[in-house]
Amino acid sequence: MSFRVVRSSKFRHVYGQAMKREQCYDNIRVSKSSWDSTFCAVNPKFLAIIVESAGGGAFIVLPHNKVGRIPADHPLVGGHKGPVLDIAWCPHNDNVIASGSEDCVVKVWQIPDGGLSRTLTEPVVDLVYHQRRVGLVLWHPTAQNVLLTAGSDNQIAIWNVGTGEVLLSLDCHPDLIYSACWNWTGSKLLTTCRDKKIRIIDPRKGEVESEAIAHEGSKASRAIFLKHGLVFTTGFSRMSERQYTLRTPDELSEPIVTVEIDTSNGVMFPLYDPDTNLIYLCGKGDSVI
């Protein structure tokens, strides 16, 4: 008698369930900027969302339990002179958030427990270095008060937020930087660029350790480090099909897996859960994850 061994995945029954309307956040005027960003950031205390704002850039900060319809006059974080393009919560302090803007300035904010009772316009510190808009802010995963910023000037700056000084500047990209990601110890940096390449960089040496073409398409690509050192990328094929790849850092040019998904236009953002080793892909304009 022969037995068939069925290999079952522990994720075969993973499914999503939409929250009830009364548990959602309603009446938020999310930014209409064409910049490729998630426009939101969340931590154990707060949800932050970049919003439409007259006379400069702003974002709203809400405690998790403040659900339902948000009043139109709810206090904002608004000190930028141009639209906010990216926001990131500090992993070491749940009350600290950084924002990058078209005004070329990065601001770091202190959010009080319980959220805002009035509009906040005074940051803890202004970080001024970039000559063009700042579309990427990223905190270091292990070192406190260390923040990475990337601008449309193709420059990466790594800051000591406590002193407001640039610790390192990296000039190794010939074109616009689409995304950046630290590895789990913060010793390596993974970037994607408009020249279609992914790069692994040693930030202390300022050297590119390896690089390769990520995706053949001309639209934006993203890349993240996974927990065990693998590299996961999203992008577009030459025929404008959305796809993702999995690679090893030692052989960036030879993907282990390449999967084509669909022909939608939205850039896919990979959201990684290291505890379950699941990756969620979402794109601007998509109705599914």
Protein backbone atom coordinates (compact mmCIF):
# COMPACT_ATOMS: atom_id res chain seq x y z
CA MET A 1 0.00 0.00 0.00
CA SER A 2 1.38 3.41 -0.93
CA PHE A 3 0.85 6.56 1.07
CA ARG A 4 0.79 10.06 -0.36
CA VAL A 5 2.50 12.59 1.82
CA VAL A 6 0.73 15.93 1.56
CA ARG A 7 2.95 18.83 2.45
CA SER A 8 0.77 21.42 4.11
CA SER A 9 1.72 25.00 4.75
CA LYS A 10 1.00 26.46 8.15
CA PHE A 11 -0.21 29.55 6.29
CA ARG A 12 -2.73 27.75 4.05
CA HIS A 13 -5.63 29.12 6.14
CA VAL A 14 -4.32 32.67 6.47
CA TYR A 15 -7.01 35.11 5.41
CA GLY A 16 -7.90 38.73 5.98
CA GLN A 17 -11.07 40.01 7.57
CA ALA A 18 -12.16 43.61 7.06
CA MET A 19 -12.83 45.60 10.21
CA LYS A 20 -16.33 46.90 10.87
CA ARG A 21 -16.94 50.47 9.78
CA GLU A 22 -17.19 51.76 13.35
CA GLN A 23 -13.69 50.39 14.02
CA CYS A 24 -12.16 52.18 11.02
CA TYR A 25 -10.71 55.69 10.71
CA ASP A 26 -13.10 57.84 8.68
CA ASN A 27 -13.10 61.38 7.24
CA ILE A 28 -9.31 61.62 6.80
CA ARG A 29 -8.19 63.64 3.77
CA VAL A 30 -5.24 61.47 2.73
CA SER A 31 -2.55 63.20 0.66
CA LYS A 32 -3.09 63.15 -3.11
CA SER A 33 0.63 63.48 -3.80
CA SER A 34 1.94 61.37 -6.69
CA TRP A 35 5.04 60.46 -4.65
CA ASP A 36 5.43 56.69 -4.18
CA SER A 37 4.95 56.32 -0.45
CA THR A 38 2.60 54.51 1.91
CA PHE A 39 1.65 57.93 3.41
CA CYS A 40 1.12 56.28 6.79
CA ALA A 41 3.12 54.85 9.69
CA VAL A 42 2.05 52.94 12.78
CA ASN A 43 3.63 51.93 16.08
CA PRO A 44 2.31 50.37 19.32
CA LYS A 45 0.69 53.68 20.36
CA PHE A 46 -0.23 55.76 17.33
CA LEU A 47 -1.30 55.83 13.70
CA ALA A 48 0.11 58.68 11.57
CA ILE A 49 -1.26 59.58 8.12
CA ILE A 50 -0.03 62.26 5.70
CA VAL A 51 -2.97 64.50 4.81
CA GLU A 52 -3.91 67.25 2.38
CA SER A 53 -3.11 70.60 3.94
CA ALA A 54 -3.31 74.17 2.66
CA GLY A 55 -0.23 76.33 3.06
CA GLY A 56 2.30 73.58 3.69
CA GLY A 57 2.64 69.93 4.60
CA ALA A 58 1.02 68.15 7.53
CA PHE A 59 0.11 64.77 8.95
CA ILE A 60 -2.42 63.59 11.48
CA VAL A 61 -1.55 61.46 14.52
CA LEU A 62 -4.24 59.33 16.16
CA PRO A 63 -4.11 56.99 19.16
CA HIS A 64 -5.12 53.47 18.16
CA ASN A 65 -8.41 53.67 20.06
CA LYS A 66 -9.56 56.93 18.44
CA VAL A 67 -11.58 55.27 15.69
CA GLY A 68 -14.67 56.38 13.82
CA ARG A 69 -15.27 59.72 12.13
CA ILE A 70 -12.39 62.13 12.71
CA PRO A 71 -13.42 65.81 13.03
CA ALA A 72 -12.31 68.02 10.14
CA ASP A 73 -10.61 70.38 12.61
CA HIS A 74 -8.61 67.66 14.36
CA PRO A 75 -5.13 68.92 15.39
CA LEU A 76 -2.31 68.18 12.94
CA VAL A 77 1.46 68.04 12.95
CA GLY A 78 2.17 70.88 10.55
CA GLY A 79 5.42 72.79 10.33
CA HIS A 80 6.66 72.02 6.82
CA LYS A 81 6.52 74.63 4.05
CA GLY A 82 5.88 71.97 1.40
CA PRO A 83 3.93 68.70 1.20
CA VAL A 84 5.10 65.90 3.51
CA LEU A 85 6.35 62.91 1.49
CA ASP A 86 7.37 60.34 4.11
CA ILE A 87 7.04 59.71 7.85
CA ALA A 88 8.64 57.14 10.17
CA TRP A 89 8.20 56.34 13.87
CA CYS A 90 11.32 55.88 15.96
CA PRO A 91 11.67 52.19 16.95
CA HIS A 92 13.22 53.15 20.31
CA ASN A 93 10.67 55.78 21.40
CA ASP A 94 6.99 55.44 20.52
CA ASN A 95 6.42 59.20 20.95
CA VAL A 96 9.00 60.31 18.35
CA ILE A 97 8.33 60.57 14.62
CA ALA A 98 10.37 61.96 11.71
CA SER A 99 9.00 63.58 8.54
CA GLY A 100 10.55 64.45 5.18
CA SER A 101 9.11 67.05 2.84
CA GLU A 102 9.31 68.83 -0.49
CA ASP A 103 10.76 71.80 1.42
CA CYS A 104 14.07 69.83 1.62
CA VAL A 105 13.90 69.72 5.45
CA VAL A 106 13.57 66.75 7.80
CA LYS A 107 11.79 67.41 11.08
CA VAL A 108 11.68 65.26 14.21
CA TRP A 109 8.61 65.57 16.43
CA GLN A 110 7.66 64.61 19.99
CA ILE A 111 4.04 63.42 20.27
CA PRO A 112 2.51 63.56 23.77
CA ASP A 113 0.88 60.49 25.31
CA GLY A 114 -2.80 60.46 24.40
CA GLY A 115 -2.23 62.29 21.12
CA LEU A 116 -2.49 65.95 20.13
CA SER A 117 -4.81 68.44 21.79
CA ARG A 118 -3.67 71.28 19.50
CA THR A 119 -1.83 71.60 16.20
CA LEU A 120 1.91 71.00 16.61
CA THR A 121 4.22 73.30 14.65
CA GLU A 122 7.44 73.26 16.69
CA PRO A 123 9.66 70.21 16.04
CA VAL A 124 12.29 68.89 18.41
CA VAL A 125 14.92 69.46 15.72
CA ASP A 126 15.22 70.51 12.06
CA LEU A 127 17.69 68.51 9.95
CA VAL A 128 18.90 70.55 6.97
CA TYR A 129 21.27 69.00 4.42
CA HIS A 130 19.49 68.03 1.21
CA GLN A 131 19.29 70.40 -1.75
CA ARG A 132 16.10 68.86 -3.14
CA ARG A 133 12.95 67.29 -1.70
CA VAL A 134 13.34 64.57 0.92
CA GLY A 135 11.21 61.55 0.04
CA LEU A 136 12.61 58.91 2.39
CA VAL A 137 13.18 58.81 6.16
CA LEU A 138 14.32 55.64 7.92
CA TRP A 139 15.42 55.05 11.52
CA HIS A 140 18.33 52.78 12.37
CA PRO A 141 17.03 49.49 13.84
CA THR A 142 19.54 49.16 16.69
CA ALA A 143 21.30 52.50 17.30
CA GLN A 144 19.30 55.17 19.11
CA ASN A 145 18.95 58.65 17.58
CA VAL A 146 20.34 57.55 14.20
CA LEU A 147 18.19 58.49 11.20
CA LEU A 148 18.71 57.95 7.47
CA THR A 149 17.29 60.39 4.93
CA ALA A 150 17.37 60.33 1.13
CA GLY A 151 16.54 63.19 -1.21
CA SER A 152 15.93 63.84 -4.88
CA ASP A 153 19.51 65.15 -4.97
CA ASN A 154 20.49 61.43 -5.05
CA GLN A 155 22.19 61.81 -1.67
CA ILE A 156 21.80 59.72 1.49
CA ALA A 157 22.50 61.34 4.85
CA ILE A 158 22.82 59.48 8.16
CA TRP A 159 22.14 61.75 11.14
CA ASN A 160 22.78 61.95 14.82
CA VAL A 161 19.36 63.32 15.74
CA GLY A 162 20.51 64.23 19.25
CA THR A 163 23.05 66.74 17.93
CA GLY A 164 21.44 67.50 14.56
CA GLU A 165 24.69 66.64 12.76
CA VAL A 166 25.32 64.48 9.69
CA LEU A 167 27.37 61.42 10.70
CA LEU A 168 27.81 60.07 7.18
CA SER A 169 26.83 61.07 3.67
CA LEU A 170 26.65 58.59 0.80
CA ASP A 171 26.99 59.63 -2.83
CA CYS A 172 26.83 56.33 -4.69
CA HIS A 173 23.58 56.63 -6.66
CA PRO A 174 23.51 58.21 -10.15
CA ASP A 175 19.75 58.80 -10.05
CA LEU A 176 16.70 59.03 -7.76
CA ILE A 177 16.72 56.65 -4.78
CA TYR A 178 13.43 54.76 -4.58
CA SER A 179 13.83 52.87 -1.31
CA ALA A 180 16.28 51.99 1.45
CA CYS A 181 16.31 49.29 4.11
CA TRP A 182 18.71 48.40 6.93
CA ASN A 183 19.58 44.80 7.64
CA TRP A 184 18.67 43.45 11.08
CA THR A 185 21.88 44.58 12.77
CA GLY A 186 22.06 47.90 10.95
CA SER A 187 25.46 47.11 9.47
CA LYS A 188 24.35 47.02 5.81
CA LEU A 189 22.05 49.14 3.70
CA LEU A 190 19.93 47.95 0.77
CA THR A 191 18.72 50.49 -1.80
CA THR A 192 16.83 50.64 -5.09
CA CYS A 193 17.38 53.37 -7.66
CA ARG A 194 15.91 54.74 -10.88
CA ASP A 195 18.84 53.18 -12.78
CA LYS A 196 17.03 49.82 -12.09
CA LYS A 197 19.79 48.58 -9.77
CA ILE A 198 19.69 47.29 -6.22
CA ARG A 199 22.77 47.96 -4.11
CA ILE A 200 24.08 46.58 -0.85
CA ILE A 201 26.14 49.29 0.83
CA ASP A 202 28.51 49.30 3.78
CA PRO A 203 27.59 52.72 5.19
CA ARG A 204 30.65 52.99 7.45
CA LYS A 205 33.01 52.57 4.51
CA GLY A 206 30.71 54.35 2.07
CA GLU A 207 31.25 51.51 -0.39
CA VAL A 208 28.89 49.52 -2.59
CA GLU A 209 29.57 45.86 -1.79
CA SER A 210 27.38 44.43 -4.55
CA GLU A 211 24.86 45.60 -7.11
CA ALA A 212 22.63 44.12 -9.78
CA ILE A 213 19.67 44.92 -12.02
CA ALA A 214 16.55 44.39 -9.92
CA HIS A 215 13.74 44.59 -12.49
CA GLU A 216 13.79 45.45 -16.20
CA GLY A 217 10.78 47.77 -16.06
CA SER A 218 11.12 51.54 -15.91
CA LYS A 219 8.75 52.06 -12.96
CA ALA A 220 9.82 52.22 -9.33
CA SER A 221 11.11 49.18 -7.47
CA ARG A 222 11.43 48.42 -3.74
CA ALA A 223 13.70 46.09 -1.78
CA ILE A 224 13.88 44.86 1.81
CA PHE A 225 16.15 42.63 3.86
CA LEU A 226 14.48 39.58 5.38
CA LYS A 227 15.31 38.23 8.82
CA HIS A 228 17.82 35.61 7.68
CA GLY A 229 19.67 37.84 5.23
CA LEU A 230 17.73 37.20 2.03
CA VAL A 231 16.70 40.10 -0.21
CA PHE A 232 13.10 40.55 -1.39
CA THR A 233 12.30 42.99 -4.22
CA THR A 234 9.20 44.25 -6.01
CA GLY A 235 9.12 45.95 -9.38
CA PHE A 236 8.03 45.66 -13.00
CA SER A 237 9.07 43.51 -15.93
CA ARG A 238 10.00 44.90 -19.34
CA MET A 239 6.36 44.30 -20.33
CA SER A 240 5.14 46.35 -17.30
CA GLU A 241 3.97 43.29 -15.36
CA ARG A 242 4.28 43.58 -11.60
CA GLN A 243 6.65 41.01 -10.13
CA TYR A 244 8.63 40.11 -7.06
CA THR A 245 11.94 38.32 -6.58
CA LEU A 246 13.87 36.61 -3.80
CA ARG A 247 17.68 36.76 -3.83
CA THR A 248 20.76 36.02 -1.77
CA PRO A 249 23.12 38.94 -1.04
CA ASP A 250 26.04 36.94 -2.46
CA GLU A 251 24.35 36.50 -5.86
CA LEU A 252 22.15 39.54 -6.33
CA SER A 253 22.08 39.16 -10.10
CA GLU A 254 20.62 35.63 -9.95
CA PRO A 255 17.17 35.59 -8.29
CA ILE A 256 16.18 32.40 -6.48
CA VAL A 257 12.56 33.05 -7.44
CA THR A 258 10.88 35.49 -9.82
CA VAL A 259 7.07 35.63 -9.79
CA GLU A 260 4.84 37.74 -12.04
CA ILE A 261 1.64 38.92 -10.35
CA ASP A 262 -0.51 41.12 -12.60
CA THR A 263 -0.46 44.15 -14.90
CA SER A 264 -1.65 46.85 -12.48
CA ASN A 265 0.17 50.18 -12.42
CA GLY A 266 0.65 50.75 -8.68
CA VAL A 267 4.09 50.31 -7.15
CA MET A 268 3.99 47.41 -4.67
CA PHE A 269 5.18 48.05 -1.12
CA PRO A 270 6.49 44.95 0.69
CA LEU A 271 5.46 44.88 4.37
CA TYR A 272 7.36 42.18 6.26
CA ASP A 273 6.31 40.43 9.47
CA PRO A 274 9.49 38.78 10.82
CA ASP A 275 7.60 36.82 13.51
CA THR A 276 5.53 34.83 11.02
CA ASN A 277 7.92 35.33 8.07
CA LEU A 278 4.98 36.59 6.00
CA ILE A 279 5.27 39.40 3.44
CA TYR A 280 2.23 41.51 2.57
CA LEU A 281 2.21 43.32 -0.77
CA CYS A 282 0.07 46.42 -1.22
CA GLY A 283 -0.01 48.99 -3.99
CA LYS A 284 -1.43 52.47 -4.43
CA GLY A 285 -4.89 52.10 -5.96
CA ASP A 286 -5.15 48.38 -5.19
CA SER A 287 -8.28 47.02 -3.53
CA VAL A 288 -6.60 43.81 -2.38
CA ILE A 289 -3.47 42.88 -0.43
